[in-house]
Amino acid sequence: MHDDTALIVIDMINTYDHEDAELLVPSVREALPAVRKLVTRARKAGVEVICVNDNFGRWRSHHDELLDMALRSPHADLVEPIRPDEDSLFVVKARHSIFYQTPLEYLLGQRGISRTVLCGQVTEQCVLYSALDAHIRHLTVAVPYDAVAHIHRDLADAALRMMERNMGVEICSADEVRLQHGP
């Protein structure tokens, strides 16, 4: 297996009509430029961009329907700049971790991806649990601290420290994160 990298965008296709949204939205606005820059860099470098997104309990929906719903919401401006393109892969999840009962592990293995860069939301929940699940699958993980959004800053800061200390996650800025394709 070579050191192919995938950029995984977590839960950014969102309508923001849920509990804690008013706490989350300002942080998403702050992280969005770095997420957008990462997505653009990854696409230019030929790095897989994989959107892993909550299905909001809509079990008959597909990614286009979820995207359309988010683009019709009052916070469409948080979705439009990083909307998946025709080359982006899309995995639907129902719980916090991007790996829990999803085909993501299989997909990464099929693509020869051994390193993941996680961005999106929420640092102290889905990003933290996904980093742990990636770590126990022996994947190398990077989390750009400026490309993840939080609900509670203190918990997000603690989550980033835990990821770095306990899981060996590379914590860096979006500008510093290495995106590479190939051996």
C-alpha atoms as a PDB file:
ATOM      1  CA  MET A   1       0.000   0.000   0.000  1.00  0.00           C
ATOM      2  CA  HIS A   2       1.362   3.406  -0.875  1.00  0.00           C
ATOM      3  CA  ASP A   3       0.821   6.724   0.870  1.00  0.00           C
ATOM      4  CA  ASP A   4      -2.198   7.937  -1.058  1.00  0.00           C
ATOM      5  CA  THR A   5      -4.154  10.551   0.819  1.00  0.00           C
ATOM      6  CA  ALA A   6      -7.880  11.247   0.861  1.00  0.00           C
ATOM      7  CA  LEU A   7      -9.444  14.483   2.021  1.00  0.00           C
ATOM      8  CA  ILE A   8     -12.561  13.585   3.984  1.00  0.00           C
ATOM      9  CA  VAL A   9     -15.109  16.358   4.407  1.00  0.00           C
ATOM     10  CA  ILE A  10     -17.343  15.507   7.355  1.00  0.00           C
ATOM     11  CA  ASP A  11     -20.970  16.664   7.675  1.00  0.00           C
ATOM     12  CA  MET A  12     -20.612  19.924   5.750  1.00  0.00           C
ATOM     13  CA  ILE A  13     -23.789  19.269   3.739  1.00  0.00           C
ATOM     14  CA  ASN A  14     -26.072  20.604   6.429  1.00  0.00           C
ATOM     15  CA  THR A  15     -29.310  22.551   6.809  1.00  0.00           C
ATOM     16  CA  TYR A  16     -28.367  23.793  10.297  1.00  0.00           C
ATOM     17  CA  ASP A  17     -31.879  23.360  11.615  1.00  0.00           C
ATOM     18  CA  HIS A  18     -30.818  21.188  14.548  1.00  0.00           C
ATOM     19  CA  GLU A  19     -30.076  21.591  18.234  1.00  0.00           C
ATOM     20  CA  ASP A  20     -26.866  23.572  18.855  1.00  0.00           C
ATOM     21  CA  ALA A  21     -26.902  25.017  15.323  1.00  0.00           C
ATOM     22  CA  GLU A  22     -26.731  28.577  16.641  1.00  0.00           C
ATOM     23  CA  LEU A  23     -23.504  27.650  18.448  1.00  0.00           C
ATOM     24  CA  LEU A  24     -22.101  25.764  15.460  1.00  0.00           C
ATOM     25  CA  VAL A  25     -22.807  28.190  12.589  1.00  0.00           C
ATOM     26  CA  PRO A  26     -20.291  30.904  13.652  1.00  0.00           C
ATOM     27  CA  SER A  27     -17.548  28.285  13.904  1.00  0.00           C
ATOM     28  CA  VAL A  28     -18.476  26.843  10.490  1.00  0.00           C
ATOM     29  CA  ARG A  29     -18.231  30.348   9.006  1.00  0.00           C
ATOM     30  CA  GLU A  30     -14.762  30.658  10.520  1.00  0.00           C
ATOM     31  CA  ALA A  31     -13.572  27.238   9.262  1.00  0.00           C
ATOM     32  CA  LEU A  32     -15.180  27.417   5.813  1.00  0.00           C
ATOM     33  CA  PRO A  33     -12.359  29.303   4.005  1.00  0.00           C
ATOM     34  CA  ALA A  34      -9.808  26.702   5.129  1.00  0.00           C
ATOM     35  CA  VAL A  35     -12.113  23.812   4.171  1.00  0.00           C
ATOM     36  CA  ARG A  36     -12.683  25.396   0.777  1.00  0.00           C
ATOM     37  CA  LYS A  37      -8.944  25.883   0.262  1.00  0.00           C
ATOM     38  CA  LEU A  38      -8.298  22.230   1.174  1.00  0.00           C
ATOM     39  CA  VAL A  39     -10.967  20.981  -1.232  1.00  0.00           C
ATOM     40  CA  THR A  40      -9.530  23.131  -4.038  1.00  0.00           C
ATOM     41  CA  ARG A  41      -5.950  21.990  -3.310  1.00  0.00           C
ATOM     42  CA  ALA A  42      -7.001  18.334  -3.165  1.00  0.00           C
ATOM     43  CA  ARG A  43      -8.855  18.516  -6.465  1.00  0.00           C
ATOM     44  CA  LYS A  44      -5.884  20.176  -8.176  1.00  0.00           C
ATOM     45  CA  ALA A  45      -3.497  17.554  -6.763  1.00  0.00           C
ATOM     46  CA  GLY A  46      -5.668  14.618  -7.856  1.00  0.00           C
ATOM     47  CA  VAL A  47      -6.353  13.662  -4.232  1.00  0.00           C
ATOM     48  CA  GLU A  48      -9.668  11.904  -3.563  1.00  0.00           C
ATOM     49  CA  VAL A  49     -12.272  14.180  -1.979  1.00  0.00           C
ATOM     50  CA  ILE A  50     -14.770  12.108  -0.040  1.00  0.00           C
ATOM     51  CA  CYS A  51     -17.791  13.724   1.543  1.00  0.00           C
ATOM     52  CA  VAL A  52     -19.085  11.688   4.453  1.00  0.00           C
ATOM     53  CA  ASN A  53     -22.348  13.096   5.634  1.00  0.00           C
ATOM     54  CA  ASP A  54     -25.153  12.477   8.053  1.00  0.00           C
ATOM     55  CA  ASN A  55     -28.368  11.400   6.377  1.00  0.00           C
ATOM     56  CA  PHE A  56     -30.512  13.296   8.944  1.00  0.00           C
ATOM     57  CA  GLY A  57     -32.612  10.163   9.393  1.00  0.00           C
ATOM     58  CA  ARG A  58     -33.784  10.330   5.768  1.00  0.00           C
ATOM     59  CA  TRP A  59     -33.218   6.690   4.847  1.00  0.00           C
ATOM     60  CA  ARG A  60     -34.647   6.942   1.344  1.00  0.00           C
ATOM     61  CA  SER A  61     -32.525   9.928   0.398  1.00  0.00           C
ATOM     62  CA  HIS A  62     -29.386  10.018  -1.723  1.00  0.00           C
ATOM     63  CA  HIS A  63     -26.559  12.528  -1.894  1.00  0.00           C
ATOM     64  CA  ASP A  64     -28.206  14.782  -4.499  1.00  0.00           C
ATOM     65  CA  GLU A  65     -31.337  15.034  -2.383  1.00  0.00           C
ATOM     66  CA  LEU A  66     -29.334  15.854   0.751  1.00  0.00           C
ATOM     67  CA  LEU A  67     -27.351  18.474  -1.159  1.00  0.00           C
ATOM     68  CA  ASP A  68     -30.476  20.034  -2.680  1.00  0.00           C
ATOM     69  CA  MET A  69     -32.098  20.221   0.752  1.00  0.00           C
ATOM     70  CA  ALA A  70     -29.022  21.957   2.207  1.00  0.00           C
ATOM     71  CA  LEU A  71     -28.780  24.362  -0.741  1.00  0.00           C
ATOM     72  CA  ARG A  72     -32.408  25.411  -0.177  1.00  0.00           C
ATOM     73  CA  SER A  73     -31.810  26.087   3.531  1.00  0.00           C
ATOM     74  CA  PRO A  74     -31.188  29.522   5.075  1.00  0.00           C
ATOM     75  CA  HIS A  75     -27.495  28.576   5.425  1.00  0.00           C
ATOM     76  CA  ALA A  76     -26.870  27.549   1.820  1.00  0.00           C
ATOM     77  CA  ASP A  77     -23.907  29.940   1.792  1.00  0.00           C
ATOM     78  CA  LEU A  78     -22.093  27.477   4.091  1.00  0.00           C
ATOM     79  CA  VAL A  79     -22.653  24.603   1.665  1.00  0.00           C
ATOM     80  CA  GLU A  80     -22.303  26.107  -1.812  1.00  0.00           C
ATOM     81  CA  PRO A  81     -18.545  26.893  -1.614  1.00  0.00           C
ATOM     82  CA  ILE A  82     -17.622  23.274  -0.872  1.00  0.00           C
ATOM     83  CA  ARG A  83     -20.374  21.360  -2.656  1.00  0.00           C
ATOM     84  CA  PRO A  84     -19.232  18.026  -4.072  1.00  0.00           C
ATOM     85  CA  ASP A  85     -18.279  18.058  -7.740  1.00  0.00           C
ATOM     86  CA  GLU A  86     -18.769  15.225 -10.232  1.00  0.00           C
ATOM     87  CA  ASP A  87     -15.514  13.561  -9.109  1.00  0.00           C
ATOM     88  CA  SER A  88     -16.192  13.733  -5.366  1.00  0.00           C
ATOM     89  CA  LEU A  89     -17.177  10.521  -3.665  1.00  0.00           C
ATOM     90  CA  PHE A  90     -20.082  10.546  -1.199  1.00  0.00           C
ATOM     91  CA  VAL A  91     -20.711   8.240   1.752  1.00  0.00           C
ATOM     92  CA  VAL A  92     -23.815   8.504   3.919  1.00  0.00           C
ATOM     93  CA  LYS A  93     -23.481   7.890   7.647  1.00  0.00           C
ATOM     94  CA  ALA A  94     -26.032   7.672  10.424  1.00  0.00           C
ATOM     95  CA  ARG A  95     -23.860   8.010  13.529  1.00  0.00           C
ATOM     96  CA  HIS A  96     -20.881  10.064  14.675  1.00  0.00           C
ATOM     97  CA  SER A  97     -17.993   8.125  13.139  1.00  0.00           C
ATOM     98  CA  ILE A  98     -17.427   8.187   9.387  1.00  0.00           C
ATOM     99  CA  PHE A  99     -16.582   4.474   9.632  1.00  0.00           C
ATOM    100  CA  TYR A 100     -19.467   3.170  11.751  1.00  0.00           C
ATOM    101  CA  GLN A 101     -21.536   0.881   9.517  1.00  0.00           C
ATOM    102  CA  THR A 102     -20.473   2.678   6.332  1.00  0.00           C
ATOM    103  CA  PRO A 103     -18.505   1.337   3.350  1.00  0.00           C
ATOM    104  CA  LEU A 104     -15.713   3.893   3.911  1.00  0.00           C
ATOM    105  CA  GLU A 105     -13.089   1.428   5.159  1.00  0.00           C
ATOM    106  CA  TYR A 106     -13.674  -0.778   2.113  1.00  0.00           C
ATOM    107  CA  LEU A 107     -13.582   2.243  -0.220  1.00  0.00           C
ATOM    108  CA  LEU A 108     -10.267   3.472   1.208  1.00  0.00           C
ATOM    109  CA  GLY A 109      -8.773  -0.002   0.899  1.00  0.00           C
ATOM    110  CA  GLN A 110      -9.925  -0.326  -2.713  1.00  0.00           C
ATOM    111  CA  ARG A 111      -8.329   3.034  -3.540  1.00  0.00           C
ATOM    112  CA  GLY A 112      -5.062   2.227  -1.736  1.00  0.00           C
ATOM    113  CA  ILE A 113      -5.533   5.117   0.661  1.00  0.00           C
ATOM    114  CA  SER A 114      -3.506   4.892   3.852  1.00  0.00           C
ATOM    115  CA  ARG A 115      -3.714   8.509   4.997  1.00  0.00           C
ATOM    116  CA  THR A 116      -6.762  10.642   5.719  1.00  0.00           C
ATOM    117  CA  VAL A 117      -7.085  14.372   6.197  1.00  0.00           C
ATOM    118  CA  LEU A 118     -10.241  15.084   8.170  1.00  0.00           C
ATOM    119  CA  CYS A 119     -12.019  18.423   7.980  1.00  0.00           C
ATOM    120  CA  GLY A 120     -15.544  19.624   8.626  1.00  0.00           C
ATOM    121  CA  GLN A 121     -17.684  19.350  11.719  1.00  0.00           C
ATOM    122  CA  VAL A 122     -17.988  18.840  14.674  1.00  0.00           C
ATOM    123  CA  THR A 123     -14.455  18.730  16.135  1.00  0.00           C
ATOM    124  CA  GLU A 124     -15.458  17.410  19.554  1.00  0.00           C
ATOM    125  CA  GLN A 125     -17.862  14.836  18.154  1.00  0.00           C
ATOM    126  CA  CYS A 126     -17.732  13.425  14.612  1.00  0.00           C
ATOM    127  CA  VAL A 127     -14.161  14.507  13.861  1.00  0.00           C
ATOM    128  CA  LEU A 128     -12.845  13.104  17.162  1.00  0.00           C
ATOM    129  CA  TYR A 129     -14.662   9.760  16.819  1.00  0.00           C
ATOM    130  CA  SER A 130     -13.673   9.455  13.160  1.00  0.00           C
ATOM    131  CA  ALA A 131     -10.017  10.155  13.972  1.00  0.00           C
ATOM    132  CA  LEU A 132     -10.106   7.425  16.616  1.00  0.00           C
ATOM    133  CA  ASP A 133     -11.711   4.957  14.224  1.00  0.00           C
ATOM    134  CA  ALA A 134      -9.138   5.814  11.532  1.00  0.00           C
ATOM    135  CA  HIS A 135      -6.332   5.354  14.065  1.00  0.00           C
ATOM    136  CA  ILE A 136      -7.524   1.894  15.137  1.00  0.00           C
ATOM    137  CA  ARG A 137      -7.644   0.953  11.445  1.00  0.00           C
ATOM    138  CA  HIS A 138      -3.940   1.867  11.199  1.00  0.00           C
ATOM    139  CA  LEU A 139      -4.531   4.855   8.938  1.00  0.00           C
ATOM    140  CA  THR A 140      -2.384   7.928   9.214  1.00  0.00           C
ATOM    141  CA  VAL A 141      -4.540  10.915  10.136  1.00  0.00           C
ATOM    142  CA  ALA A 142      -4.157  14.674   9.853  1.00  0.00           C
ATOM    143  CA  VAL A 143      -6.635  17.236  11.159  1.00  0.00           C
ATOM    144  CA  PRO A 144      -6.145  20.876  10.167  1.00  0.00           C
ATOM    145  CA  TYR A 145      -7.263  22.787  13.263  1.00  0.00           C
ATOM    146  CA  ASP A 146      -8.497  25.735  11.205  1.00  0.00           C
ATOM    147  CA  ALA A 147     -10.646  23.538   8.921  1.00  0.00           C
ATOM    148  CA  VAL A 148     -12.810  21.991  11.633  1.00  0.00           C
ATOM    149  CA  ALA A 149     -15.799  23.611  13.301  1.00  0.00           C
ATOM    150  CA  HIS A 150     -16.970  23.170  16.854  1.00  0.00           C
ATOM    151  CA  ILE A 151     -19.960  23.686  19.105  1.00  0.00           C
ATOM    152  CA  HIS A 152     -17.918  24.183  22.289  1.00  0.00           C
ATOM    153  CA  ARG A 153     -14.423  25.613  21.831  1.00  0.00           C
ATOM    154  CA  ASP A 154     -13.070  24.185  25.095  1.00  0.00           C
ATOM    155  CA  LEU A 155     -14.162  20.662  24.153  1.00  0.00           C
ATOM    156  CA  ALA A 156     -12.809  21.096  20.626  1.00  0.00           C
ATOM    157  CA  ASP A 157      -9.420  22.209  21.964  1.00  0.00           C
ATOM    158  CA  ALA A 158      -9.358  19.195  24.287  1.00  0.00           C
ATOM    159  CA  ALA A 159     -10.371  16.904  21.391  1.00  0.00           C
ATOM    160  CA  LEU A 160      -7.529  18.199  19.224  1.00  0.00           C
ATOM    161  CA  ARG A 161      -5.051  17.615  22.074  1.00  0.00           C
ATOM    162  CA  MET A 162      -6.414  14.097  22.610  1.00  0.00           C
ATOM    163  CA  MET A 163      -6.149  13.299  18.892  1.00  0.00           C
ATOM    164  CA  GLU A 164      -2.543  14.481  18.796  1.00  0.00           C
ATOM    165  CA  ARG A 165      -1.411  12.909  22.064  1.00  0.00           C
ATOM    166  CA  ASN A 166      -3.398   9.661  22.161  1.00  0.00           C
ATOM    167  CA  MET A 167      -3.734   8.836  18.465  1.00  0.00           C
ATOM    168  CA  GLY A 168      -0.676  10.413  16.873  1.00  0.00           C
ATOM    169  CA  VAL A 169      -2.854  12.629  14.680  1.00  0.00           C
ATOM    170  CA  GLU A 170      -0.978  15.371  12.857  1.00  0.00           C
ATOM    171  CA  ILE A 171      -2.549  18.644  13.989  1.00  0.00           C
ATOM    172  CA  CYS A 172      -1.552  21.518  11.717  1.00  0.00           C
ATOM    173  CA  SER A 173      -3.033  24.375   9.733  1.00  0.00           C
ATOM    174  CA  ALA A 174      -4.816  23.797   6.441  1.00  0.00           C
ATOM    175  CA  ASP A 175      -1.933  25.523   4.664  1.00  0.00           C
ATOM    176  CA  GLU A 176       0.584  23.151   6.264  1.00  0.00           C
ATOM    177  CA  VAL A 177      -1.282  19.886   5.662  1.00  0.00           C
ATOM    178  CA  ARG A 178       0.340  17.645   3.074  1.00  0.00           C
ATOM    179  CA  LEU A 179      -1.922  16.500   0.250  1.00  0.00           C
ATOM    180  CA  GLN A 180      -0.401  13.947  -2.065  1.00  0.00           C
ATOM    181  CA  HIS A 181      -1.498  11.367  -4.560  1.00  0.00           C
ATOM    182  CA  GLY A 182       0.517   8.302  -5.379  1.00  0.00           C
ATOM    183  CA  PRO A 183       3.498   6.415  -3.990  1.00  0.00           C
END
